[in-house]
N, C-alpha and C. Protein backbone atom coordinates (compact mmCIF):
# COMPACT_ATOMS: atom_id res chain seq x y z
N MET A 1 261.50 -62.31 172.21
CA MET A 1 260.95 -61.31 171.32
C MET A 1 259.44 -61.20 171.48
N GLY A 2 258.78 -62.37 171.55
CA GLY A 2 257.33 -62.38 171.68
C GLY A 2 256.89 -61.81 173.02
N GLN A 3 257.65 -62.11 174.10
CA GLN A 3 257.30 -61.62 175.42
C GLN A 3 257.42 -60.09 175.48
N GLN A 4 258.44 -59.53 174.84
CA GLN A 4 258.62 -58.08 174.84
C GLN A 4 257.48 -57.40 174.08
N ARG A 5 257.09 -57.98 172.98
CA ARG A 5 255.99 -57.40 172.21
C ARG A 5 254.70 -57.45 173.01
N TYR A 6 254.48 -58.54 173.75
CA TYR A 6 253.29 -58.67 174.57
C TYR A 6 253.26 -57.57 175.63
N GLN A 7 254.40 -57.28 176.23
CA GLN A 7 254.47 -56.24 177.24
C GLN A 7 254.19 -54.87 176.63
N THR A 8 254.73 -54.62 175.44
CA THR A 8 254.50 -53.34 174.77
C THR A 8 253.03 -53.17 174.42
N ASP A 9 252.41 -54.21 173.88
CA ASP A 9 250.99 -54.14 173.54
C ASP A 9 250.14 -53.93 174.79
N LYS A 10 250.53 -54.58 175.87
CA LYS A 10 249.79 -54.46 177.11
C LYS A 10 249.89 -53.03 177.66
N SER A 11 251.07 -52.42 177.57
CA SER A 11 251.23 -51.06 178.07
C SER A 11 250.48 -50.05 177.19
N ILE A 12 250.45 -50.29 175.89
CA ILE A 12 249.70 -49.40 174.99
C ILE A 12 248.21 -49.50 175.30
N LEU A 13 247.74 -50.71 175.54
CA LEU A 13 246.33 -50.92 175.88
C LEU A 13 245.99 -50.21 177.19
N LEU A 14 246.91 -50.26 178.15
CA LEU A 14 246.70 -49.60 179.42
C LEU A 14 246.61 -48.08 179.24
N VAL A 15 247.43 -47.53 178.37
CA VAL A 15 247.38 -46.09 178.11
C VAL A 15 246.04 -45.71 177.48
N TYR A 16 245.55 -46.50 176.53
CA TYR A 16 244.26 -46.22 175.91
C TYR A 16 243.13 -46.29 176.92
N LYS A 17 243.19 -47.25 177.83
CA LYS A 17 242.15 -47.36 178.85
C LYS A 17 242.17 -46.14 179.77
N ASN A 18 243.35 -45.69 180.14
CA ASN A 18 243.45 -44.51 181.00
C ASN A 18 242.97 -43.26 180.29
N MET A 19 243.22 -43.15 178.99
CA MET A 19 242.73 -42.00 178.24
C MET A 19 241.21 -42.02 178.18
N ALA A 20 240.62 -43.19 178.01
CA ALA A 20 239.17 -43.30 177.96
C ALA A 20 238.56 -42.93 179.31
N LYS A 21 239.19 -43.34 180.39
CA LYS A 21 238.70 -42.99 181.72
C LYS A 21 238.80 -41.49 181.94
N ALA A 22 239.88 -40.88 181.50
CA ALA A 22 240.08 -39.45 181.71
C ALA A 22 239.04 -38.63 180.96
N LYS A 23 238.59 -39.11 179.83
CA LYS A 23 237.58 -38.37 179.06
C LYS A 23 236.23 -38.40 179.76
N ASN A 24 235.93 -39.48 180.45
CA ASN A 24 234.60 -39.64 181.03
C ASN A 24 234.51 -39.25 182.49
N THR A 25 235.57 -38.80 183.10
CA THR A 25 235.50 -38.42 184.50
C THR A 25 234.77 -37.10 184.63
N PRO A 26 233.99 -36.94 185.69
CA PRO A 26 233.19 -35.73 185.86
C PRO A 26 234.03 -34.47 186.07
N GLY A 27 235.27 -34.61 186.54
CA GLY A 27 236.08 -33.43 186.83
C GLY A 27 236.70 -32.79 185.60
N THR A 28 236.72 -33.50 184.48
CA THR A 28 237.36 -32.94 183.30
C THR A 28 236.41 -31.98 182.59
N ILE A 29 236.96 -30.92 182.09
CA ILE A 29 236.17 -29.92 181.37
C ILE A 29 236.48 -30.09 179.89
N GLN A 30 235.46 -30.35 179.12
CA GLN A 30 235.63 -30.46 177.67
C GLN A 30 234.96 -29.26 177.04
N ASN A 31 235.75 -28.25 176.78
CA ASN A 31 235.24 -27.01 176.22
C ASN A 31 235.68 -26.91 174.77
N ASN A 32 234.73 -26.97 173.87
CA ASN A 32 235.03 -26.86 172.46
C ASN A 32 234.68 -25.45 172.00
N ASN A 33 235.40 -24.49 172.56
CA ASN A 33 235.13 -23.09 172.34
C ASN A 33 235.64 -22.60 170.98
N ALA A 34 236.57 -23.32 170.39
CA ALA A 34 237.20 -22.84 169.16
C ALA A 34 236.28 -22.93 167.95
N ASN A 35 235.23 -23.73 168.02
CA ASN A 35 234.36 -23.90 166.86
C ASN A 35 233.19 -22.93 166.82
N GLU A 36 233.13 -22.00 167.74
CA GLU A 36 232.03 -21.04 167.73
C GLU A 36 232.18 -20.07 166.57
N THR A 37 231.07 -19.82 165.90
CA THR A 37 231.13 -18.95 164.72
C THR A 37 231.38 -17.49 165.07
N ALA A 38 231.09 -17.11 166.31
CA ALA A 38 231.30 -15.70 166.71
C ALA A 38 232.77 -15.32 166.60
N HIS A 39 233.67 -16.24 166.91
CA HIS A 39 235.09 -15.94 166.80
C HIS A 39 235.49 -15.66 165.35
N TYR A 40 234.98 -16.46 164.46
CA TYR A 40 235.35 -16.33 163.05
C TYR A 40 234.67 -15.12 162.41
N LYS A 41 233.49 -14.77 162.87
CA LYS A 41 232.86 -13.54 162.40
C LYS A 41 233.68 -12.33 162.83
N LEU A 42 234.13 -12.35 164.09
CA LEU A 42 234.96 -11.25 164.59
C LEU A 42 236.26 -11.14 163.81
N MET A 43 236.84 -12.29 163.49
CA MET A 43 238.08 -12.27 162.71
C MET A 43 237.83 -11.75 161.30
N THR A 44 236.70 -12.11 160.71
CA THR A 44 236.36 -11.61 159.37
C THR A 44 236.18 -10.10 159.38
N TYR A 45 235.49 -9.58 160.42
CA TYR A 45 235.33 -8.12 160.52
C TYR A 45 236.67 -7.43 160.67
N GLY A 46 237.56 -8.03 161.46
CA GLY A 46 238.89 -7.45 161.63
C GLY A 46 239.68 -7.44 160.34
N ILE A 47 239.56 -8.50 159.56
CA ILE A 47 240.26 -8.57 158.28
C ILE A 47 239.72 -7.52 157.32
N ILE A 48 238.40 -7.35 157.30
CA ILE A 48 237.79 -6.35 156.41
C ILE A 48 238.24 -4.94 156.81
N ILE A 49 238.25 -4.66 158.11
CA ILE A 49 238.69 -3.34 158.58
C ILE A 49 240.17 -3.13 158.24
N GLY A 50 240.98 -4.17 158.44
CA GLY A 50 242.41 -4.07 158.13
C GLY A 50 242.67 -3.87 156.65
N LEU A 51 241.90 -4.56 155.81
CA LEU A 51 242.07 -4.37 154.36
C LEU A 51 241.66 -2.97 153.93
N ALA A 52 240.62 -2.44 154.57
CA ALA A 52 240.24 -1.05 154.26
C ALA A 52 241.39 -0.11 154.61
N GLY A 53 242.07 -0.40 155.71
CA GLY A 53 243.22 0.42 156.09
C GLY A 53 244.37 0.27 155.11
N VAL A 54 244.60 -0.95 154.63
CA VAL A 54 245.69 -1.17 153.66
C VAL A 54 245.38 -0.46 152.35
N PHE A 55 244.16 -0.57 151.88
CA PHE A 55 243.80 0.11 150.63
C PHE A 55 243.85 1.62 150.81
N GLY A 56 243.50 2.10 152.00
CA GLY A 56 243.56 3.53 152.27
C GLY A 56 244.99 4.07 152.27
N ARG A 57 245.94 3.22 152.56
CA ARG A 57 247.34 3.68 152.55
C ARG A 57 247.82 4.00 151.14
N PHE A 58 247.20 3.42 150.13
CA PHE A 58 247.62 3.67 148.76
C PHE A 58 246.99 4.91 148.16
N VAL A 59 246.05 5.51 148.86
CA VAL A 59 245.40 6.72 148.34
C VAL A 59 246.40 7.87 148.33
N GLN A 60 247.07 8.12 149.43
CA GLN A 60 248.13 9.12 149.55
C GLN A 60 247.70 10.52 149.09
N ASP A 61 246.43 10.86 149.26
CA ASP A 61 245.99 12.21 148.91
C ASP A 61 246.43 13.22 149.95
N SER A 62 246.32 12.86 151.19
CA SER A 62 246.68 13.80 152.25
C SER A 62 247.17 13.02 153.46
N SER A 63 247.71 13.76 154.38
CA SER A 63 248.18 13.10 155.60
C SER A 63 247.00 12.65 156.45
N LEU A 64 245.86 13.32 156.30
CA LEU A 64 244.66 12.92 157.04
C LEU A 64 244.19 11.54 156.57
N ALA A 65 244.16 11.33 155.26
CA ALA A 65 243.74 10.03 154.73
C ALA A 65 244.72 8.94 155.14
N SER A 66 245.99 9.26 155.14
CA SER A 66 247.00 8.30 155.55
C SER A 66 246.86 7.97 157.04
N GLY A 67 246.56 8.97 157.84
CA GLY A 67 246.36 8.75 159.27
C GLY A 67 245.14 7.88 159.55
N ILE A 68 244.06 8.16 158.83
CA ILE A 68 242.84 7.35 158.98
C ILE A 68 243.12 5.90 158.56
N ALA A 69 243.87 5.74 157.49
CA ALA A 69 244.20 4.39 157.03
C ALA A 69 245.05 3.65 158.06
N ASN A 70 245.99 4.35 158.67
CA ASN A 70 246.82 3.72 159.70
C ASN A 70 245.98 3.31 160.91
N VAL A 71 245.04 4.16 161.30
CA VAL A 71 244.17 3.83 162.43
C VAL A 71 243.29 2.63 162.09
N LEU A 72 242.75 2.59 160.87
CA LEU A 72 241.93 1.44 160.45
C LEU A 72 242.74 0.15 160.46
N LEU A 73 243.96 0.23 159.99
CA LEU A 73 244.83 -0.94 159.99
C LEU A 73 245.12 -1.41 161.41
N LEU A 74 245.35 -0.47 162.30
CA LEU A 74 245.62 -0.81 163.69
C LEU A 74 244.39 -1.43 164.36
N ILE A 75 243.22 -0.87 164.12
CA ILE A 75 241.99 -1.42 164.70
C ILE A 75 241.73 -2.82 164.16
N GLY A 76 241.90 -3.01 162.86
CA GLY A 76 241.70 -4.34 162.27
C GLY A 76 242.66 -5.36 162.85
N SER A 77 243.91 -4.96 163.06
CA SER A 77 244.89 -5.88 163.64
C SER A 77 244.53 -6.25 165.07
N VAL A 78 244.10 -5.27 165.85
CA VAL A 78 243.73 -5.55 167.24
C VAL A 78 242.51 -6.47 167.30
N VAL A 79 241.54 -6.25 166.44
CA VAL A 79 240.35 -7.10 166.41
C VAL A 79 240.72 -8.53 166.04
N CYS A 80 241.59 -8.70 165.06
CA CYS A 80 242.01 -10.05 164.66
C CYS A 80 242.81 -10.74 165.76
N ILE A 81 243.68 -10.02 166.42
CA ILE A 81 244.46 -10.62 167.51
C ILE A 81 243.54 -11.02 168.65
N LYS A 82 242.53 -10.19 168.94
CA LYS A 82 241.57 -10.52 169.99
C LYS A 82 240.80 -11.79 169.63
N ALA A 83 240.41 -11.93 168.38
CA ALA A 83 239.68 -13.12 167.95
C ALA A 83 240.55 -14.37 168.06
N VAL A 84 241.80 -14.27 167.67
CA VAL A 84 242.71 -15.42 167.74
C VAL A 84 242.95 -15.81 169.20
N LEU A 85 243.13 -14.84 170.07
CA LEU A 85 243.34 -15.16 171.48
C LEU A 85 242.09 -15.78 172.11
N ASN A 86 240.91 -15.34 171.66
CA ASN A 86 239.67 -15.97 172.14
C ASN A 86 239.57 -17.41 171.68
N ILE A 87 240.02 -17.69 170.47
CA ILE A 87 239.99 -19.07 169.97
C ILE A 87 240.96 -19.93 170.76
N LEU A 88 242.14 -19.41 171.05
CA LEU A 88 243.14 -20.18 171.78
C LEU A 88 242.79 -20.38 173.24
N LYS A 89 241.96 -19.52 173.77
CA LYS A 89 241.59 -19.58 175.18
C LYS A 89 240.70 -20.71 175.52
């Protein structure tokens, strides 16, 4: 039992050492692009545009207002999707 545990601990230690080496190798790229504020600003603008489109859908005064609201909603959705894909990239 003790010998098996020693082998398991040794293999876990080996994995941690390899992970530490992989982090410090010059060939690895560590890009922390997701924390840039520009992505979240873009997402906020998209949400604001989309909400304007949603509120415009409730006006229902004319088909022109409804069309403008649909376009605003579509633009806001595209902007938000673009921001999310930039974060994931």
